[in-house]
PDB file of N, CA and C in Angstrom:
ATOM      1  N   MET A   1     -62.912   9.125 -22.067  1.00  0.00           N
ATOM      2  CA  MET A   1     -62.410   9.251 -21.176  1.00  0.00           C
ATOM      3  C   MET A   1     -60.673   8.761 -20.868  1.00  0.00           C
ATOM      4  N   ALA A   2     -59.881   9.348 -20.522  1.00  0.00           N
ATOM      5  CA  ALA A   2     -58.411   8.919 -20.904  1.00  0.00           C
ATOM      6  C   ALA A   2     -57.901   7.972 -19.751  1.00  0.00           C
ATOM      7  N   THR A   3     -57.414   7.302 -19.809  1.00  0.00           N
ATOM      8  CA  THR A   3     -56.868   6.378 -18.827  1.00  0.00           C
ATOM      9  C   THR A   3     -55.412   6.397 -19.213  1.00  0.00           C
ATOM     10  N   GLU A   4     -54.708   6.706 -17.786  1.00  0.00           N
ATOM     11  CA  GLU A   4     -53.302   6.442 -17.543  1.00  0.00           C
ATOM     12  C   GLU A   4     -52.750   5.430 -17.018  1.00  0.00           C
ATOM     13  N   ARG A   5     -51.303   4.749 -16.984  1.00  0.00           N
ATOM     14  CA  ARG A   5     -50.847   3.743 -16.280  1.00  0.00           C
ATOM     15  C   ARG A   5     -49.421   4.324 -16.024  1.00  0.00           C
ATOM     16  N   VAL A   6     -48.948   4.558 -15.033  1.00  0.00           N
ATOM     17  CA  VAL A   6     -47.538   4.789 -14.772  1.00  0.00           C
ATOM     18  C   VAL A   6     -46.652   3.464 -13.853  1.00  0.00           C
ATOM     19  N   THR A   7     -45.819   3.277 -14.303  1.00  0.00           N
ATOM     20  CA  THR A   7     -44.730   2.069 -14.364  1.00  0.00           C
ATOM     21  C   THR A   7     -43.341   2.626 -13.860  1.00  0.00           C
ATOM     22  N   GLU A   8     -43.107   2.560 -12.775  1.00  0.00           N
ATOM     23  CA  GLU A   8     -41.522   2.713 -12.608  1.00  0.00           C
ATOM     24  C   GLU A   8     -40.766   1.512 -12.143  1.00  0.00           C
ATOM     25  N   THR A   9     -39.404   1.317 -12.682  1.00  0.00           N
ATOM     26  CA  THR A   9     -38.752   0.354 -11.848  1.00  0.00           C
ATOM     27  C   THR A   9     -37.114   0.839 -12.333  1.00  0.00           C
ATOM     28  N   SER A  10     -36.804   0.193 -11.263  1.00  0.00           N
ATOM     29  CA  SER A  10     -35.281   0.451 -11.098  1.00  0.00           C
ATOM     30  C   SER A  10     -34.204  -0.814 -10.913  1.00  0.00           C
ATOM     31  N   ASP A  11     -33.051  -0.643 -10.968  1.00  0.00           N
ATOM     32  CA  ASP A  11     -32.183  -1.353 -11.165  1.00  0.00           C
ATOM     33  C   ASP A  11     -30.784  -0.976 -10.374  1.00  0.00           C
ATOM     34  N   GLY A  12     -31.563  -0.209  -9.430  1.00  0.00           N
ATOM     35  CA  GLY A  12     -30.406   0.165  -8.476  1.00  0.00           C
ATOM     36  C   GLY A  12     -29.178   1.328  -8.945  1.00  0.00           C
ATOM     37  N   THR A  13     -29.293   1.244 -10.210  1.00  0.00           N
ATOM     38  CA  THR A  13     -28.268   2.208 -10.878  1.00  0.00           C
ATOM     39  C   THR A  13     -29.062   3.592 -11.773  1.00  0.00           C
ATOM     40  N   THR A  14     -29.923   2.724 -12.488  1.00  0.00           N
ATOM     41  CA  THR A  14     -30.770   3.521 -13.086  1.00  0.00           C
ATOM     42  C   THR A  14     -32.387   3.310 -13.092  1.00  0.00           C
ATOM     43  N   THR A  15     -33.018   4.569 -12.906  1.00  0.00           N
ATOM     44  CA  THR A  15     -34.689   4.476 -12.592  1.00  0.00           C
ATOM     45  C   THR A  15     -35.417   4.831 -13.908  1.00  0.00           C
ATOM     46  N   GLU A  16     -36.453   4.165 -14.070  1.00  0.00           N
ATOM     47  CA  GLU A  16     -36.845   4.351 -15.491  1.00  0.00           C
ATOM     48  C   GLU A  16     -38.485   4.603 -15.095  1.00  0.00           C
ATOM     49  N   ARG A  17     -39.206   5.360 -15.621  1.00  0.00           N
ATOM     50  CA  ARG A  17     -40.806   6.021 -15.443  1.00  0.00           C
ATOM     51  C   ARG A  17     -41.684   5.574 -16.747  1.00  0.00           C
ATOM     52  N   VAL A  18     -42.591   4.789 -17.166  1.00  0.00           N
ATOM     53  CA  VAL A  18     -43.044   4.834 -18.355  1.00  0.00           C
ATOM     54  C   VAL A  18     -44.485   5.041 -17.953  1.00  0.00           C
ATOM     55  N   VAL A  19     -45.074   5.959 -18.813  1.00  0.00           N
ATOM     56  CA  VAL A  19     -46.388   6.597 -18.643  1.00  0.00           C
ATOM     57  C   VAL A  19     -47.210   6.377 -19.790  1.00  0.00           C
ATOM     58  N   GLU A  20     -47.887   5.370 -19.376  1.00  0.00           N
ATOM     59  CA  GLU A  20     -49.192   4.883 -20.763  1.00  0.00           C
ATOM     60  C   GLU A  20     -50.440   5.633 -20.664  1.00  0.00           C
ATOM     61  N   ARG A  21     -51.127   6.197 -21.562  1.00  0.00           N
ATOM     62  CA  ARG A  21     -52.100   7.066 -21.755  1.00  0.00           C
ATOM     63  C   ARG A  21     -53.116   6.741 -22.728  1.00  0.00           C
ATOM     64  N   ASP A  22     -54.304   6.245 -22.605  1.00  0.00           N
ATOM     65  CA  ASP A  22     -54.889   5.811 -23.786  1.00  0.00           C
ATOM     66  C   ASP A  22     -56.102   6.285 -24.049  1.00  0.00           C
ATOM     67  N   HIS A  23     -56.119   7.604 -24.810  1.00  0.00           N
ATOM     68  CA  HIS A  23     -56.684   8.808 -25.115  1.00  0.00           C
ATOM     69  C   HIS A  23     -57.247   8.806 -26.346  1.00  0.00           C
ATOM     70  N   GLY A  24     -57.027   7.401 -27.273  1.00  0.00           N
ATOM     71  CA  GLY A  24     -57.143   7.382 -28.745  1.00  0.00           C
ATOM     72  C   GLY A  24     -56.205   7.736 -29.622  1.00  0.00           C
ATOM     73  N   GLY A  25     -54.859   8.684 -28.937  1.00  0.00           N
ATOM     74  CA  GLY A  25     -54.152   8.737 -30.099  1.00  0.00           C
ATOM     75  C   GLY A  25     -53.001   7.904 -30.027  1.00  0.00           C
ATOM     76  N   GLY A  26     -52.658   7.297 -28.663  1.00  0.00           N
ATOM     77  CA  GLY A  26     -51.873   6.234 -28.125  1.00  0.00           C
ATOM     78  C   GLY A  26     -50.537   6.658 -28.330  1.00  0.00           C
ATOM     79  N   THR A  27     -49.923   7.947 -27.331  1.00  0.00           N
ATOM     80  CA  THR A  27     -48.350   8.326 -27.305  1.00  0.00           C
ATOM     81  C   THR A  27     -48.306   7.720 -26.206  1.00  0.00           C
ATOM     82  N   THR A  28     -46.494   7.243 -25.952  1.00  0.00           N
ATOM     83  CA  THR A  28     -46.091   6.266 -25.014  1.00  0.00           C
ATOM     84  C   THR A  28     -44.987   7.380 -24.664  1.00  0.00           C
ATOM     85  N   VAL A  29     -44.828   7.891 -23.308  1.00  0.00           N
ATOM     86  CA  VAL A  29     -43.705   8.979 -22.887  1.00  0.00           C
ATOM     87  C   VAL A  29     -42.957   7.930 -21.911  1.00  0.00           C
ATOM     88  N   VAL A  30     -41.624   8.129 -22.181  1.00  0.00           N
ATOM     89  CA  VAL A  30     -40.942   7.031 -21.455  1.00  0.00           C
ATOM     90  C   VAL A  30     -39.223   8.040 -20.946  1.00  0.00           C
ATOM     91  N   GLU A  31     -39.403   8.167 -19.676  1.00  0.00           N
ATOM     92  CA  GLU A  31     -38.366   9.118 -18.975  1.00  0.00           C
ATOM     93  C   GLU A  31     -37.566   8.209 -18.587  1.00  0.00           C
ATOM     94  N   ARG A  32     -36.400   8.444 -18.442  1.00  0.00           N
ATOM     95  CA  ARG A  32     -34.893   7.880 -17.768  1.00  0.00           C
ATOM     96  C   ARG A  32     -34.391   8.820 -16.794  1.00  0.00           C
ATOM     97  N   GLY A  33     -33.913   8.314 -15.936  1.00  0.00           N
ATOM     98  CA  GLY A  33     -33.098   9.495 -15.074  1.00  0.00           C
ATOM     99  C   GLY A  33     -31.917   8.582 -14.189  1.00  0.00           C
ATOM    100  N   GLY A  34     -31.146   9.381 -13.796  1.00  0.00           N
ATOM    101  CA  GLY A  34     -29.895   8.802 -13.322  1.00  0.00           C
ATOM    102  C   GLY A  34     -28.718   7.758 -13.649  1.00  0.00           C
ATOM    103  N   GLY A  35     -27.699   8.177 -13.527  1.00  0.00           N
ATOM    104  CA  GLY A  35     -26.966   7.349 -14.278  1.00  0.00           C
ATOM    105  C   GLY A  35     -25.978   6.540 -12.999  1.00  0.00           C
ATOM    106  N   GLY A  36     -26.372   7.106 -11.784  1.00  0.00           N
ATOM    107  CA  GLY A  36     -25.795   6.634 -11.209  1.00  0.00           C
ATOM    108  C   GLY A  36     -24.160   6.884 -10.339  1.00  0.00           C
ATOM    109  N   GLY A  37     -23.553   7.645 -11.146  1.00  0.00           N
ATOM    110  CA  GLY A  37     -22.095   7.880 -10.957  1.00  0.00           C
ATOM    111  C   GLY A  37     -21.350   6.791 -11.367  1.00  0.00           C
ATOM    112  N   ALA A  38     -21.519   6.169 -12.276  1.00  0.00           N
ATOM    113  CA  ALA A  38     -20.552   4.654 -12.219  1.00  0.00           C
ATOM    114  C   ALA A  38     -19.593   5.153 -13.192  1.00  0.00           C
ATOM    115  N   GLY A  39     -19.748   6.098 -14.231  1.00  0.00           N
ATOM    116  CA  GLY A  39     -18.951   6.649 -15.196  1.00  0.00           C
ATOM    117  C   GLY A  39     -17.916   7.807 -14.527  1.00  0.00           C
ATOM    118  N   LEU A  40     -17.856   8.039 -13.031  1.00  0.00           N
ATOM    119  CA  LEU A  40     -17.188   8.641 -12.385  1.00  0.00           C
ATOM    120  C   LEU A  40     -16.246   7.829 -11.659  1.00  0.00           C
ATOM    121  N   LEU A  41     -17.371   6.767 -10.968  1.00  0.00           N
ATOM    122  CA  LEU A  41     -15.970   5.837 -10.275  1.00  0.00           C
ATOM    123  C   LEU A  41     -15.149   5.156 -11.256  1.00  0.00           C
ATOM    124  N   ILE A  42     -15.775   4.885 -12.747  1.00  0.00           N
ATOM    125  CA  ILE A  42     -14.138   4.458 -13.614  1.00  0.00           C
ATOM    126  C   ILE A  42     -13.025   5.280 -13.597  1.00  0.00           C
ATOM    127  N   ALA A  43     -13.582   6.734 -13.874  1.00  0.00           N
ATOM    128  CA  ALA A  43     -12.461   7.373 -14.409  1.00  0.00           C
ATOM    129  C   ALA A  43     -11.904   8.000 -13.148  1.00  0.00           C
ATOM    130  N   LEU A  44     -12.238   8.024 -11.560  1.00  0.00           N
ATOM    131  CA  LEU A  44     -11.283   7.677 -10.244  1.00  0.00           C
ATOM    132  C   LEU A  44     -10.525   6.751 -10.244  1.00  0.00           C
ATOM    133  N   ALA A  45     -11.063   5.619 -10.716  1.00  0.00           N
ATOM    134  CA  ALA A  45     -10.174   4.360 -10.365  1.00  0.00           C
ATOM    135  C   ALA A  45      -9.068   4.377 -11.780  1.00  0.00           C
ATOM    136  N   VAL A  46      -9.146   4.862 -13.117  1.00  0.00           N
ATOM    137  CA  VAL A  46      -8.136   4.791 -13.785  1.00  0.00           C
ATOM    138  C   VAL A  46      -7.124   5.971 -13.645  1.00  0.00           C
ATOM    139  N   ILE A  47      -7.989   7.050 -13.123  1.00  0.00           N
ATOM    140  CA  ILE A  47      -6.815   7.982 -12.619  1.00  0.00           C
ATOM    141  C   ILE A  47      -5.759   7.540 -11.309  1.00  0.00           C
ATOM    142  N   VAL A  48      -6.519   6.799 -10.634  1.00  0.00           N
ATOM    143  CA  VAL A  48      -5.329   6.213  -9.281  1.00  0.00           C
ATOM    144  C   VAL A  48      -5.089   5.055  -9.671  1.00  0.00           C
ATOM    145  N   LEU A  49      -5.021   4.024 -11.206  1.00  0.00           N
ATOM    146  CA  LEU A  49      -4.191   3.170 -11.790  1.00  0.00           C
ATOM    147  C   LEU A  49      -2.925   3.875 -12.050  1.00  0.00           C
ATOM    148  N   VAL A  50      -3.385   4.952 -12.785  1.00  0.00           N
ATOM    149  CA  VAL A  50      -2.205   5.727 -13.989  1.00  0.00           C
ATOM    150  C   VAL A  50      -1.037   6.129 -12.662  1.00  0.00           C
ATOM    151  N   ALA A  51      -1.581   6.943 -11.183  1.00  0.00           N
ATOM    152  CA  ALA A  51      -0.366   7.618 -10.486  1.00  0.00           C
ATOM    153  C   ALA A  51       0.092   6.606 -10.091  1.00  0.00           C
ATOM    154  N   ILE A  52      -0.453   5.337  -9.525  1.00  0.00           N
ATOM    155  CA  ILE A  52       0.397   4.324  -8.973  1.00  0.00           C
ATOM    156  C   ILE A  52       1.553   3.551  -9.982  1.00  0.00           C
ATOM    157  N   GLY A  53       0.978   3.557 -11.229  1.00  0.00           N
ATOM    158  CA  GLY A  53       1.808   3.019 -12.485  1.00  0.00           C
ATOM    159  C   GLY A  53       3.249   4.069 -12.487  1.00  0.00           C
ATOM    160  N   ALA A  54       3.015   5.506 -12.529  1.00  0.00           N
ATOM    161  CA  ALA A  54       3.705   6.471 -12.355  1.00  0.00           C
ATOM    162  C   ALA A  54       4.676   6.243 -11.378  1.00  0.00           C
ATOM    163  N   TRP A  55       4.510   5.960 -10.166  1.00  0.00           N
ATOM    164  CA  TRP A  55       5.031   5.839  -8.803  1.00  0.00           C
ATOM    165  C   TRP A  55       5.836   4.803  -9.159  1.00  0.00           C
ATOM    166  N   PHE A  56       5.505   3.406  -9.444  1.00  0.00           N
ATOM    167  CA  PHE A  56       6.652   2.554  -9.949  1.00  0.00           C
ATOM    168  C   PHE A  56       7.559   2.759 -10.784  1.00  0.00           C
ATOM    169  N   LEU A  57       7.077   3.277 -11.960  1.00  0.00           N
ATOM    170  CA  LEU A  57       8.291   3.371 -12.889  1.00  0.00           C
ATOM    171  C   LEU A  57       9.292   4.307 -11.842  1.00  0.00           C
ATOM    172  N   PHE A  58       8.770   5.692 -11.587  1.00  0.00           N
ATOM    173  CA  PHE A  58       9.417   6.569 -10.745  1.00  0.00           C
ATOM    174  C   PHE A  58      10.735   5.928  -9.923  1.00  0.00           C
ATOM    175  N   ASN A  59      10.066   4.756  -9.564  1.00  0.00           N
ATOM    176  CA  ASN A  59      10.871   4.393  -7.871  1.00  0.00           C
ATOM    177  C   ASN A  59      12.087   3.115  -8.647  1.00  0.00           C
ATOM    178  N   ALA A  60      11.340   2.729 -10.254  1.00  0.00           N
ATOM    179  CA  ALA A  60      12.470   1.733 -10.622  1.00  0.00           C
ATOM    180  C   ALA A  60      13.712   2.408 -11.261  1.00  0.00           C
ATOM    181  N   SER A  61      13.599   3.618 -11.759  1.00  0.00           N
ATOM    182  CA  SER A  61      14.224   4.409 -12.367  1.00  0.00           C
ATOM    183  C   SER A  61      15.387   4.809 -11.276  1.00  0.00           C
ATOM    184  N   ARG A  62      14.216   5.311 -10.006  1.00  0.00           N
ATOM    185  CA  ARG A  62      15.341   5.599  -8.875  1.00  0.00           C
ATOM    186  C   ARG A  62      16.394   4.506  -8.400  1.00  0.00           C
ATOM    187  N   ASN A  63      15.913   3.251  -8.553  1.00  0.00           N
ATOM    188  CA  ASN A  63      16.505   2.079  -8.065  1.00  0.00           C
ATOM    189  C   ASN A  63      17.712   1.725  -8.755  1.00  0.00           C
ATOM    190  N   ASP A  64      17.493   2.099 -10.284  1.00  0.00           N
ATOM    191  CA  ASP A  64      18.433   1.562 -11.100  1.00  0.00           C
ATOM    192  C   ASP A  64      19.453   2.667 -10.886  1.00  0.00           C
ATOM    193  N   ASN A  65      19.528   4.261 -10.716  1.00  0.00           N
ATOM    194  CA  ASN A  65      20.776   4.885 -10.650  1.00  0.00           C
ATOM    195  C   ASN A  65      21.427   4.465  -9.403  1.00  0.00           C
ATOM    196  N   LEU A  66      20.356   4.136  -8.147  1.00  0.00           N
ATOM    197  CA  LEU A  66      21.062   3.766  -7.203  1.00  0.00           C
ATOM    198  C   LEU A  66      22.266   2.470  -7.094  1.00  0.00           C
ATOM    199  N   GLN A  67      21.311   1.427  -8.057  1.00  0.00           N
ATOM    200  CA  GLN A  67      22.834   0.490  -8.702  1.00  0.00           C
ATOM    201  C   GLN A  67      23.621   0.424  -9.379  1.00  0.00           C
ATOM    202  N   THR A  68      23.611   2.011 -10.116  1.00  0.00           N
ATOM    203  CA  THR A  68      24.669   1.923 -10.748  1.00  0.00           C
ATOM    204  C   THR A  68      25.352   2.578 -10.066  1.00  0.00           C
ATOM    205  N   ALA A  69      25.038   3.399  -9.030  1.00  0.00           N
ATOM    206  CA  ALA A  69      26.365   4.016  -8.282  1.00  0.00           C
ATOM    207  C   ALA A  69      26.856   3.351  -7.712  1.00  0.00           C
ATOM    208  N   ALA A  70      26.157   2.166  -7.189  1.00  0.00           N
ATOM    209  CA  ALA A  70      26.720   1.015  -6.068  1.00  0.00           C
ATOM    210  C   ALA A  70      27.967   0.178  -6.830  1.00  0.00           C
ATOM    211  N   VAL A  71      27.620  -0.048  -8.125  1.00  0.00           N
ATOM    212  CA  VAL A  71      28.601  -1.008  -9.162  1.00  0.00           C
ATOM    213  C   VAL A  71      29.533   0.038  -8.985  1.00  0.00           C
ATOM    214  N   SER A  72      29.546   1.183  -9.471  1.00  0.00           N
ATOM    215  CA  SER A  72      30.764   2.328 -10.120  1.00  0.00           C
ATOM    216  C   SER A  72      31.835   2.222  -8.660  1.00  0.00           C
ATOM    217  N   ASN A  73      30.812   2.509  -7.762  1.00  0.00           N
ATOM    218  CA  ASN A  73      31.829   2.605  -6.205  1.00  0.00           C
ATOM    219  C   ASN A  73      32.505   1.090  -5.829  1.00  0.00           C
ATOM    220  N   ALA A  74      31.954   0.228  -6.356  1.00  0.00           N
ATOM    221  CA  ALA A  74      32.710  -1.253  -5.867  1.00  0.00           C
ATOM    222  C   ALA A  74      33.821  -1.243  -6.845  1.00  0.00           C
ATOM    223  N   ALA A  75      33.460  -0.811  -8.247  1.00  0.00           N
ATOM    224  CA  ALA A  75      34.445  -0.992  -9.407  1.00  0.00           C
ATOM    225  C   ALA A  75      35.880  -0.164  -8.801  1.00  0.00           C
ATOM    226  N   SER A  76      35.504   1.505  -8.504  1.00  0.00           N
ATOM    227  CA  SER A  76      36.362   1.829  -7.609  1.00  0.00           C
ATOM    228  C   SER A  76      37.204   1.064  -6.739  1.00  0.00           C
ATOM    229  N   SER A  77      36.527   0.557  -5.830  1.00  0.00           N
ATOM    230  CA  SER A  77      37.210   0.345  -4.497  1.00  0.00           C
ATOM    231  C   SER A  77      38.069  -1.223  -5.301  1.00  0.00           C
ATOM    232  N   VAL A  78      37.581  -2.064  -6.332  1.00  0.00           N
ATOM    233  CA  VAL A  78      38.567  -3.183  -6.628  1.00  0.00           C
ATOM    234  C   VAL A  78      39.635  -2.350  -7.537  1.00  0.00           C
ATOM    235  N   SER A  79      39.594  -1.221  -8.344  1.00  0.00           N
ATOM    236  CA  SER A  79      40.812  -0.947  -8.650  1.00  0.00           C
ATOM    237  C   SER A  79      42.014  -0.228  -7.789  1.00  0.00           C
ATOM    238  N   ASP A  80      41.142   0.283  -6.370  1.00  0.00           N
ATOM    239  CA  ASP A  80      42.113   0.598  -5.313  1.00  0.00           C
ATOM    240  C   ASP A  80      43.056  -0.613  -4.905  1.00  0.00           C
ATOM    241  N   ALA A  81      42.113  -1.552  -4.628  1.00  0.00           N
ATOM    242  CA  ALA A  81      42.496  -2.660  -4.410  1.00  0.00           C
ATOM    243  C   ALA A  81      43.759  -3.253  -4.761  1.00  0.00           C
ATOM    244  N   ALA A  82      43.467  -3.522  -6.585  1.00  0.00           N
ATOM    245  CA  ALA A  82      44.619  -3.714  -7.294  1.00  0.00           C
ATOM    246  C   ALA A  82      45.910  -2.835  -7.694  1.00  0.00           C
ATOM    247  N   SER A  83      45.494  -1.639  -7.227  1.00  0.00           N
ATOM    248  CA  SER A  83      46.539  -0.892  -7.121  1.00  0.00           C
ATOM    249  C   SER A  83      47.610  -1.188  -5.800  1.00  0.00           C
ATOM    250  N   ASN A  84      46.739  -1.246  -4.716  1.00  0.00           N
ATOM    251  CA  ASN A  84      47.473  -1.801  -3.539  1.00  0.00           C
ATOM    252  C   ASN A  84      48.549  -3.171  -3.684  1.00  0.00           C
ATOM    253  N   VAL A  85      47.842  -3.864  -4.288  1.00  0.00           N
ATOM    254  CA  VAL A  85      48.382  -5.145  -4.776  1.00  0.00           C
ATOM    255  C   VAL A  85      49.583  -5.314  -5.409  1.00  0.00           C
ATOM    256  N   SER A  86      49.413  -4.305  -6.946  1.00  0.00           N
ATOM    257  CA  SER A  86      50.618  -3.778  -7.480  1.00  0.00           C
ATOM    258  C   SER A  86      51.482  -3.299  -6.785  1.00  0.00           C
ATOM    259  N   GLY A  87      51.390  -2.418  -5.370  1.00  0.00           N
ATOM    260  CA  GLY A  87      52.461  -1.621  -5.435  1.00  0.00           C
ATOM    261  C   GLY A  87      53.113  -2.679  -3.829  1.00  0.00           C
ATOM    262  N   ALA A  88      52.394  -3.639  -4.015  1.00  0.00           N
ATOM    263  CA  ALA A  88      53.065  -4.411  -2.748  1.00  0.00           C
ATOM    264  C   ALA A  88      53.847  -5.860  -3.303  1.00  0.00           C
ATOM    265  N   VAL A  89      53.548  -5.979  -4.719  1.00  0.00           N
ATOM    266  CA  VAL A  89      54.105  -6.958  -5.731  1.00  0.00           C
ATOM    267  C   VAL A  89      55.622  -6.256  -5.922  1.00  0.00           C
ATOM    268  N   SER A  90      55.084  -4.988  -5.890  1.00  0.00           N
ATOM    269  CA  SER A  90      56.477  -4.318  -6.493  1.00  0.00           C
ATOM    270  C   SER A  90      57.344  -4.144  -5.232  1.00  0.00           C
ATOM    271  N   ASN A  91      56.906  -4.232  -4.046  1.00  0.00           N
ATOM    272  CA  ASN A  91      57.855  -3.909  -2.787  1.00  0.00           C
ATOM    273  C   ASN A  91      58.454  -5.198  -3.082  1.00  0.00           C
ATOM    274  N   ALA A  92      57.709  -6.273  -3.077  1.00  0.00           N
ATOM    275  CA  ALA A  92      58.360  -7.709  -2.823  1.00  0.00           C
ATOM    276  C   ALA A  92      59.086  -8.103  -3.385  1.00  0.00           C
ATOM    277  N   ALA A  93      59.083  -7.856  -4.887  1.00  0.00           N
ATOM    278  CA  ALA A  93      60.018  -8.043  -6.112  1.00  0.00           C
ATOM    279  C   ALA A  93      61.589  -7.371  -5.464  1.00  0.00           C
ATOM    280  N   THR A  94      61.231  -6.212  -4.903  1.00  0.00           N
ATOM    281  CA  THR A  94      62.827  -5.451  -5.023  1.00  0.00           C
ATOM    282  C   THR A  94      63.225  -5.664  -3.295  1.00  0.00           C
ATOM    283  N   SER A  95      62.474  -5.912  -2.521  1.00  0.00           N
ATOM    284  CA  SER A  95      63.213  -6.880  -1.090  1.00  0.00           C
ATOM    285  C   SER A  95      63.919  -8.377  -1.914  1.00  0.00           C
ATOM    286  N   THR A  96      63.143  -8.955  -2.582  1.00  0.00           N
ATOM    287  CA  THR A  96      63.811 -10.539  -3.021  1.00  0.00           C
ATOM    288  C   THR A  96      65.275 -10.141  -3.548  1.00  0.00           C
ATOM    289  N   ALA A  97      64.815  -8.962  -4.768  1.00  0.00           N
ATOM    290  CA  ALA A  97      66.140  -8.780  -5.559  1.00  0.00           C
ATOM    291  C   ALA A  97      67.235  -8.258  -4.546  1.00  0.00           C
ATOM    292  N   ASN A  98      66.682  -7.797  -3.246  1.00  0.00           N
ATOM    293  CA  ASN A  98      67.716  -7.198  -2.657  1.00  0.00           C
ATOM    294  C   ASN A  98      68.782  -8.040  -1.632  1.00  0.00           C
ATOM    295  N   THR A  99      67.660  -9.137  -1.515  1.00  0.00           N
ATOM    296  CA  THR A  99      68.100 -10.425  -0.643  1.00  0.00           C
ATOM    297  C   THR A  99      68.679 -11.121  -1.529  1.00  0.00           C
ATOM    298  N   VAL A 100      68.503 -11.676  -2.291  1.00  0.00           N
ATOM    299  CA  VAL A 100      68.971 -12.349  -3.396  1.00  0.00           C
ATOM    300  C   VAL A 100      70.445 -11.861  -4.021  1.00  0.00           C
ATOM    301  N   GLY A 101      70.643 -10.423  -4.103  1.00  0.00           N
ATOM    302  CA  GLY A 101      71.562  -9.467  -4.208  1.00  0.00           C
ATOM    303  C   GLY A 101      72.328  -9.628  -3.242  1.00  0.00           C
ATOM    304  N   ASN A 102      72.126  -9.867  -2.308  1.00  0.00           N
ATOM    305  CA  ASN A 102      73.097  -9.320  -1.038  1.00  0.00           C
ATOM    306  C   ASN A 102      73.582 -11.029  -0.280  1.00  0.00           C
ATOM    307  N   ALA A 103      72.726 -11.778  -0.618  1.00  0.00           N
ATOM    308  CA  ALA A 103      73.085 -13.297  -0.312  1.00  0.00           C
ATOM    309  C   ALA A 103      74.583 -13.874  -1.455  1.00  0.00           C
ATOM    310  N   THR A 104      74.423 -12.916  -2.877  1.00  0.00           N
ATOM    311  CA  THR A 104      75.351 -13.500  -3.676  1.00  0.00           C
ATOM    312  C   THR A 104      76.436 -12.464  -3.358  1.00  0.00           C
ATOM    313  N   SER A 105      76.614 -11.339  -2.869  1.00  0.00           N
ATOM    314  CA  SER A 105      77.867 -10.911  -2.925  1.00  0.00           C
ATOM    315  C   SER A 105      78.253 -11.454  -1.650  1.00  0.00           C
ATOM    316  N   THR A 106      77.709 -11.900  -0.464  1.00  0.00           N
ATOM    317  CA  THR A 106      78.194 -12.077   0.534  1.00  0.00           C
ATOM    318  C   THR A 106      78.889 -13.518   0.369  1.00  0.00           C
ATOM    319  N   ALA A 107      78.332 -14.328  -0.670  1.00  0.00           N
ATOM    320  CA  ALA A 107      78.730 -15.736  -0.983  1.00  0.00           C
ATOM    321  C   ALA A 107      80.184 -15.667  -1.426  1.00  0.00           C
ATOM    322  N   THR A 108      80.430 -14.855  -2.581  1.00  0.00           N
ATOM    323  CA  THR A 108      81.541 -14.771  -3.240  1.00  0.00           C
ATOM    324  C   THR A 108      82.608 -13.905  -2.560  1.00  0.00           C
ATOM    325  N   HIS A 109      82.335 -13.585  -1.303  1.00  0.00           N
ATOM    326  CA  HIS A 109      83.417 -12.788  -0.736  1.00  0.00           C
ATOM    327  C   HIS A 109      84.336 -13.616   0.246  1.00  0.00           C
TER     328      HIS A 109
END
C-alpha cells in the first residue's frame, strides 16, 4: 500500500509544497510557486529613482543657465555704470579746466 505525505511551507513570499510517496520507487515531487512580485517592486523603485535623478539634473542645468544670465546682466550693469562715471569724470575735468582758465584770464587782466 502506498503512503503519501504532503508538507506545505510559506515564508510570506514563496510557498513550497512537498509531496512524499512511499510506494517502493522512492520519488519525491517538490512544487514551488509564487515569487510574490518582489522583482516588480524592485524594478518600479529603480524607475522612480532614475526619474528623480533626471529631474534633479534637469533643474541643476536650468539653475546654472539662470545664474549665468544673472551674472551677465550684472556685468552689463557694471559696464553701464562705468560708462556713466567716465562721462561724469570727463564733464568734471572739462568744467574744472574752464573754471581754472577763466580764473587765470581774470587774474591777468
